Amino acid sequence: MKKFLNLLLIIGYLFLLGACGKEESKRIIRISHNQAQDHPTNIGLLAFEEFIESKLGDKYDVQVFPNELLGSQVNTVELTQTGAIDFAVASNAILESFDNIYQIFNLPYLFDSPEHYHAVMDNAELIEPIFTSTEKSGFEAVTWLDAGTRNFYTVKKPINTPDDLKGLKIRVQQSASNIRMMELFGGAATPMGFGEVYTALQQGVIDGAENNELAITSNKHGEVAKFYSYNMHQMVPDILIGNLKFLNGLSAEEREIFNEGFRLISKVQREAWTESVEKSKAQAQNEMNVQFIYPEVALFKEKVLPLHGEVLEATPKLKPIYDKIQEIGKQIKEGGNN
């Protein structure tokens, strides 16, 4: 009931926003995400806003809402389903609950390197069936956003080996595969929404979390968690999803402009990502006194590789995708292009 009432409040807020639109003749396009205004995701979405309005500004007014202003990711995915908003950035873990094909990206150590990760995500033939898998739920993915590598960060002690995770409550994203991953590492998985993590760290509800470097600074987790360990267990994209009815209602010419805009989001966001990570690390070290640790990755990898077999056995449709990802990785290692 509480969840339902929250959704009603958000929808009512959106209705009021629409009633106060700048020009009634323009269709307002609302995009929600949970990151700060200086985050690469917001930078990419603002580039999209500028691009669409430069091409179709007489018809569309694009509005970007950062910082969970329209609700949590779970809420905004539901709002995108219904068409109350048009686009939302969703974690891969949330999308896994709509179609388990998204489990593939949650596999730890799926990619050998960022180059491998990017080559896979840019492979349209491989990715398109995944992106359209949620059409039955009223939305589809339109582009991916780089979220770097996920690593452990903790409040009281550094993580140098998997044994250091024993007995620690670690926040993970809300998905079965991430919970199982944490079990294999030896820690206690504590699923929760991203917006709850800071308070949970501060109050000792959890001992640590796992995410990229920007969580330390943009979301201020480094004010509480002082140890960041580069075990590099996942490279998981964030996904921009769009309401299917809205997308299908675009003319062919408009859809091509929007598709160009979606590609622009990914390009701008990824360019901003590298610079933001370097700034984040410097800020974390110099202003927050966060200690960066570089453990032996192989020790962590060994613990969780069994999850690959478990997931592929439970979900056979992932096997062709998995094999193609491995093939791309092999080509990159051999110096080939894909």
Foldseek 3Di string as FASTA:
>chain_A
DVLVVLLVVLLVVLVVCLVVDPDVQADEAEEEEQFDCLALLVVLVVLLQVLLCVVPVVHYHYDYYYNQPSHFQLSVVVCQLVPSHWKYWHFLQSVCVQPVLSVQQVQWPLAPDVVLVVQLQPPCVLCVCVQCVNVVSQKGFQHWAWFDFKWKFFFPDAPQFLVVQAPFEEEDAPHPLRQVLSVLSRHHYDYDTPVCVQVCLVVVVGGIYIGALCCCPRVVSLLGTQEIEPLRTGGTIITMMGGPVVLVPDDPVSNVSSSVSNVSSRVSSVVVVVVVRVVSVCCSCPPSVHDYHYHDNVNSCVSRPVSVVVSCVVPVVNVVSSVVSVVSNVCVVVVHDD
